[in-house]
């Protein structure tokens, strides 16, 4: 029963956490649109492979990570510049797609699995995300981490991430197929603005957490 609870809690947290519009979802949407379901599955497997280690390590060392203020500050500040870089990248990609619909092909000379590994590996924002959630779930007694129960939790989270990302990719693809305006402005305007707003929110979080004194 405890194992089932760990799986369900892990699945729910990860599924909901993977739905918000992020760069991993957008790249997955691009891969699916250009290269089909098989490449998307390989890409998602690469993403969750890295996430497995992140979740497990943050589960084991959550308390130490939270107490390492210097490391958490670096991660938080890095997040601002990373989000701004994503905004610029999607805006520049929108210009490339106008001239070359298959601009992703130069990146897909590598295995989609390796692309997923790389992009998930540089997603440092998942460290504070999973550190916070793991602390909350353990301290609230929502999951058990004794013996092998922690692996049931990790398995549930990976399944949730895979299902959530794939479902969201299908959702974006359906909208893009049926909405010409959405498809036209998604990469040129909507996504850059979205990541700029996230960068501003991240900047405010850093200011409030590390600069402004209570």
Foldseek 3Di string as FASTA:
>chain_A
DQLVLLLVVLLVLLLVVQQPDDPLLVVLLLCCVQPNDVLSLLLLLLQLVVVLVLLVVLLVCLVVVVVPVVVVLVLLVVLLVVLLVQLVVLQVVLVVCVVPVVVCVVVVVDRSSVVSNVVNVPPSVVNVVSSVVSVCCVVVVSHDDPDCSVVSNSVSNSVNNSVNSVVNSVVVVVCVVVPVVCVNCVSNPVSSVVSNVVSVVSVVVSCVPPPDDD
